[in-house]
Amino acid sequence: MKVCIIGASGKLGKYMVQHALDRGYEVVGVCRERSVNKLDAFKDRITIIPGATNDREIIKKAVAGCNGILTVLVPWGNQHYSTGTAQAVLNFAPPGARLIFSCGWHITRDGKDVYPPSLQREEKIARWITHIVPFIDLDDQIEACRRIFKSATRWTVVRGSDLEEGESQGLPVWSHHVGDPILASNLTRRVDYALFMVEALTNDALIHEAPAIVGCRAPSALTHAIIH
């Protein structure tokens, strides 16, 4: 399998690169030119295409011939970065390619997610701060996912909980909606978020799904497993 990882130099991206290489996949990584050195550990094993991840020509070049595309949707700035990235992937991905996108729990597909007060407060604070200093744009990521959900491509949007570093605990568990008791712990190892993304490439049951994930060793996941 040939896989393109868009946003390969970030923390999540580097974990996805490693998981993909561990599976013997051919990897193409896209990252900003100033971040290429962050991929030095992989430079002899992957193809690196430097450039902005919302640059349509860069994305067109990077995804050519790929069976799978893993995209980190980053809500940077106020220039519709996530939307530009997602739209380029949707436009230029080869027919039939598996498209896996990452985002946070705040994305909802059908409006049936039930968010705890803590997450609602965090979103309000983030919106207030970024109204003054626009370093992120949550609405941009929402628009990007709206376009993905409307697409006829073979997409999956993986919605991540809060993240922590640490050794892998295994493949996260997931639910269709935030608010499910299995997700209550709201914590996943970043390496395992990446694992879920890479595993989704070959899991057709996740096509046209937006799984909300949590670590498989999180207390809420363990409790759910015991009960069920």
Protein backbone atom coordinates (compact mmCIF):
# COMPACT_ATOMS: atom_id res chain seq x y z
CA MET A 1 0.00 0.00 0.00
CA LYS A 2 1.18 3.50 -0.82
CA VAL A 3 0.17 6.01 1.83
CA CYS A 4 0.35 9.80 1.92
CA ILE A 5 0.56 11.43 5.35
CA ILE A 6 -0.36 15.11 5.27
CA GLY A 7 1.07 16.84 8.30
CA ALA A 8 3.79 14.22 8.71
CA SER A 9 6.20 16.31 10.79
CA GLY A 10 3.86 16.90 13.74
CA LYS A 11 3.66 14.68 16.81
CA LEU A 12 0.68 12.74 15.50
CA GLY A 13 2.10 12.66 11.99
CA LYS A 14 5.42 11.13 13.04
CA TYR A 15 3.65 8.39 14.93
CA MET A 16 1.55 7.65 11.82
CA VAL A 17 4.70 7.49 9.71
CA GLN A 18 6.19 4.91 12.08
CA HIS A 19 3.01 2.80 12.20
CA ALA A 20 2.78 2.85 8.40
CA LEU A 21 6.42 1.84 7.97
CA ASP A 22 5.94 -0.95 10.52
CA ARG A 23 3.28 -2.35 8.19
CA GLY A 24 5.59 -2.20 5.20
CA TYR A 25 3.72 0.65 3.51
CA GLU A 26 5.35 3.02 1.06
CA VAL A 27 5.07 6.45 2.66
CA VAL A 28 4.89 9.95 1.19
CA GLY A 29 5.01 12.70 3.82
CA VAL A 30 3.87 16.30 3.38
CA CYS A 31 5.00 19.02 5.76
CA ARG A 32 6.03 22.66 5.79
CA GLU A 33 9.51 23.25 4.42
CA ARG A 34 10.79 24.56 7.76
CA SER A 35 9.69 21.33 9.44
CA VAL A 36 11.39 18.85 7.10
CA ASN A 37 14.23 18.31 9.58
CA LYS A 38 11.70 16.88 12.06
CA LEU A 39 11.47 13.87 9.74
CA ASP A 40 15.23 13.20 9.69
CA ALA A 41 14.72 9.85 11.44
CA PHE A 42 12.69 8.66 8.43
CA LYS A 43 14.35 10.53 5.55
CA ASP A 44 15.93 7.44 4.00
CA ARG A 45 12.70 5.46 4.17
CA ILE A 46 10.01 7.88 3.01
CA THR A 47 9.45 10.44 0.28
CA ILE A 48 9.14 13.95 1.70
CA ILE A 49 7.30 16.69 -0.18
CA PRO A 50 7.81 20.08 1.48
CA GLY A 51 5.08 22.68 1.25
CA ALA A 52 1.99 24.07 2.90
CA THR A 53 -0.59 21.35 3.46
CA ASN A 54 -3.33 23.55 2.00
CA ASP A 55 -1.38 24.12 -1.21
CA ARG A 56 -3.45 22.41 -3.89
CA GLU A 57 -0.52 21.70 -6.20
CA ILE A 58 1.50 20.18 -3.35
CA ILE A 59 -1.41 17.94 -2.35
CA LYS A 60 -2.08 16.94 -5.96
CA LYS A 61 1.53 15.83 -6.34
CA ALA A 62 1.69 14.07 -2.99
CA VAL A 63 -1.47 11.95 -3.25
CA ALA A 64 -0.87 10.74 -6.82
CA GLY A 65 -0.96 6.95 -6.90
CA CYS A 66 -1.77 6.59 -3.19
CA ASN A 67 -4.17 3.94 -1.88
CA GLY A 68 -4.59 5.73 1.43
CA ILE A 69 -4.31 9.33 2.62
CA LEU A 70 -3.96 10.26 6.29
CA THR A 71 -4.66 13.93 6.93
CA VAL A 72 -4.14 15.97 10.08
CA LEU A 73 -6.71 18.78 10.01
CA VAL A 74 -5.00 21.65 11.80
CA PRO A 75 -7.15 24.70 12.63
CA TRP A 76 -4.27 27.16 12.25
CA GLY A 77 -4.77 30.89 11.86
CA ASN A 78 -7.67 32.49 10.06
CA GLN A 79 -6.86 31.55 6.46
CA HIS A 80 -9.18 28.52 6.19
CA TYR A 81 -6.21 26.17 6.46
CA SER A 82 -8.14 23.01 7.38
CA THR A 83 -10.79 23.65 4.74
CA GLY A 84 -8.17 24.17 2.07
CA THR A 85 -6.36 20.99 3.04
CA ALA A 86 -9.51 18.87 3.15
CA GLN A 87 -10.85 20.21 -0.14
CA ALA A 88 -7.56 19.54 -1.92
CA VAL A 89 -7.52 15.96 -0.65
CA LEU A 90 -11.14 15.43 -1.69
CA ASN A 91 -10.44 16.86 -5.15
CA PHE A 92 -7.18 15.08 -5.94
CA ALA A 93 -7.30 11.74 -4.13
CA PRO A 94 -7.23 8.82 -6.59
CA PRO A 95 -10.61 7.14 -7.09
CA GLY A 96 -11.27 4.54 -4.42
CA ALA A 97 -8.53 5.73 -2.06
CA ARG A 98 -9.19 5.50 1.68
CA LEU A 99 -9.21 8.97 3.21
CA ILE A 100 -8.67 9.23 6.96
CA PHE A 101 -8.90 12.64 8.66
CA SER A 102 -8.09 13.63 12.24
CA CYS A 103 -9.95 16.21 14.32
CA GLY A 104 -11.22 16.74 17.86
CA TRP A 105 -14.37 15.68 19.68
CA HIS A 106 -15.89 19.11 19.04
CA ILE A 107 -16.77 18.03 15.51
CA THR A 108 -20.25 16.53 15.26
CA ARG A 109 -21.69 14.79 12.25
CA ASP A 110 -25.36 14.56 13.18
CA GLY A 111 -25.78 16.85 16.18
CA LYS A 112 -26.39 13.93 18.55
CA ASP A 113 -23.15 14.29 20.52
CA VAL A 114 -23.57 15.30 24.17
CA TYR A 115 -20.58 17.26 25.46
CA PRO A 116 -19.57 17.45 29.12
CA PRO A 117 -19.52 20.94 30.69
CA SER A 118 -15.72 20.92 30.80
CA LEU A 119 -15.46 20.61 27.02
CA GLN A 120 -18.10 23.28 26.50
CA ARG A 121 -16.13 25.64 28.73
CA GLU A 122 -12.88 24.89 26.89
CA GLU A 123 -14.49 25.70 23.55
CA LYS A 124 -15.94 28.97 24.86
CA ILE A 125 -12.55 30.00 26.24
CA ALA A 126 -10.78 29.07 23.00
CA ARG A 127 -13.26 31.07 20.94
CA TRP A 128 -12.91 34.09 23.25
CA ILE A 129 -9.11 34.02 23.12
CA THR A 130 -8.91 33.49 19.36
CA HIS A 131 -11.35 36.33 18.77
CA ILE A 132 -8.58 38.54 20.12
CA VAL A 133 -5.55 36.62 18.80
CA PRO A 134 -6.64 34.46 15.82
CA PHE A 135 -4.07 31.67 16.09
CA ILE A 136 -6.66 28.92 15.60
CA ASP A 137 -10.03 28.74 13.87
CA LEU A 138 -12.39 26.09 15.21
CA ASP A 139 -15.05 26.97 12.64
CA ASP A 140 -12.55 26.24 9.87
CA GLN A 141 -12.19 22.65 11.08
CA ILE A 142 -15.98 22.39 11.34
CA GLU A 143 -16.36 23.55 7.73
CA ALA A 144 -13.64 21.16 6.58
CA CYS A 145 -15.48 18.23 8.14
CA ARG A 146 -18.83 19.38 6.74
CA ARG A 147 -17.33 19.07 3.26
CA ILE A 148 -15.87 15.67 4.06
CA PHE A 149 -19.21 14.37 5.37
CA LYS A 150 -20.91 15.44 2.12
CA SER A 151 -18.28 13.73 -0.03
CA ALA A 152 -18.87 10.46 -1.87
CA THR A 153 -15.24 9.43 -1.29
CA ARG A 154 -14.27 6.57 1.05
CA TRP A 155 -13.67 8.79 4.07
CA THR A 156 -13.38 8.34 7.83
CA VAL A 157 -13.11 11.23 10.30
CA VAL A 158 -11.41 10.12 13.52
CA ARG A 159 -12.38 12.37 16.44
CA GLY A 160 -9.74 12.38 19.15
CA SER A 161 -10.11 12.93 22.89
CA ASP A 162 -7.53 14.77 24.98
CA LEU A 163 -4.10 13.31 24.26
CA GLU A 164 -1.12 12.28 26.34
CA GLU A 165 2.31 10.89 25.58
CA GLY A 166 3.44 7.45 26.67
CA GLU A 167 3.95 3.92 25.42
CA SER A 168 1.22 2.34 23.33
CA GLN A 169 -1.66 0.76 25.23
CA GLY A 170 -3.22 -0.73 22.10
CA LEU A 171 -5.94 0.20 19.65
CA PRO A 172 -8.39 2.76 21.12
CA VAL A 173 -12.08 1.98 21.48
CA TRP A 174 -14.71 4.19 19.90
CA SER A 175 -18.30 5.24 19.83
CA HIS A 176 -20.58 6.93 17.33
CA HIS A 177 -21.28 9.81 19.72
CA VAL A 178 -19.53 11.81 22.41
CA GLY A 179 -21.55 11.30 25.57
CA ASP A 180 -21.33 7.51 25.43
CA PRO A 181 -20.10 6.34 28.88
CA ILE A 182 -17.25 4.43 27.25
CA LEU A 183 -15.67 7.77 26.32
CA ALA A 184 -16.03 9.46 29.71
CA SER A 185 -12.31 9.33 30.59
CA ASN A 186 -11.53 11.62 27.62
CA LEU A 187 -7.89 10.51 27.30
CA THR A 188 -5.92 8.67 24.64
CA ARG A 189 -2.21 8.08 24.09
CA ARG A 190 -1.13 10.06 21.03
CA VAL A 191 0.73 7.04 19.66
CA ASP A 192 -2.54 5.09 19.82
CA TYR A 193 -4.53 7.84 18.12
CA ALA A 194 -2.05 7.45 15.26
CA LEU A 195 -2.50 3.68 15.44
CA PHE A 196 -6.27 4.04 15.03
CA MET A 197 -5.75 6.31 12.02
CA VAL A 198 -3.46 3.82 10.29
CA GLU A 199 -5.65 0.82 11.18
CA ALA A 200 -8.65 2.63 9.68
CA LEU A 201 -7.03 2.43 6.25
CA THR A 202 -7.92 -1.26 6.06
CA ASN A 203 -11.13 -1.25 8.11
CA ASP A 204 -13.99 -0.83 5.67
CA ALA A 205 -16.50 -0.85 8.53
CA LEU A 206 -15.30 2.69 9.29
CA ILE A 207 -16.09 4.07 5.84
CA HIS A 208 -18.44 7.07 6.21
CA GLU A 209 -18.09 6.96 10.00
CA ALA A 210 -16.85 9.60 12.44
CA PRO A 211 -15.64 7.50 15.38
CA ALA A 212 -14.95 9.31 18.65
CA ILE A 213 -12.11 7.47 20.36
CA VAL A 214 -10.68 6.94 23.83
CA GLY A 215 -7.74 4.89 25.07
CA CYS A 216 -8.49 1.18 25.48
CA ARG A 217 -6.93 1.25 28.99
CA ALA A 218 -8.80 4.38 30.09
CA PRO A 219 -11.01 3.72 33.15
CA SER A 220 -14.23 4.32 31.22
CA ALA A 221 -13.16 1.89 28.50
CA LEU A 222 -12.26 -0.78 31.04
CA THR A 223 -15.54 -0.30 32.90
CA HIS A 224 -17.51 -0.63 29.68
CA ALA A 225 -15.61 -3.79 28.80
CA ILE A 226 -16.39 -5.31 32.21
CA ILE A 227 -20.08 -4.45 32.00
CA HIS A 228 -20.44 -5.74 28.49
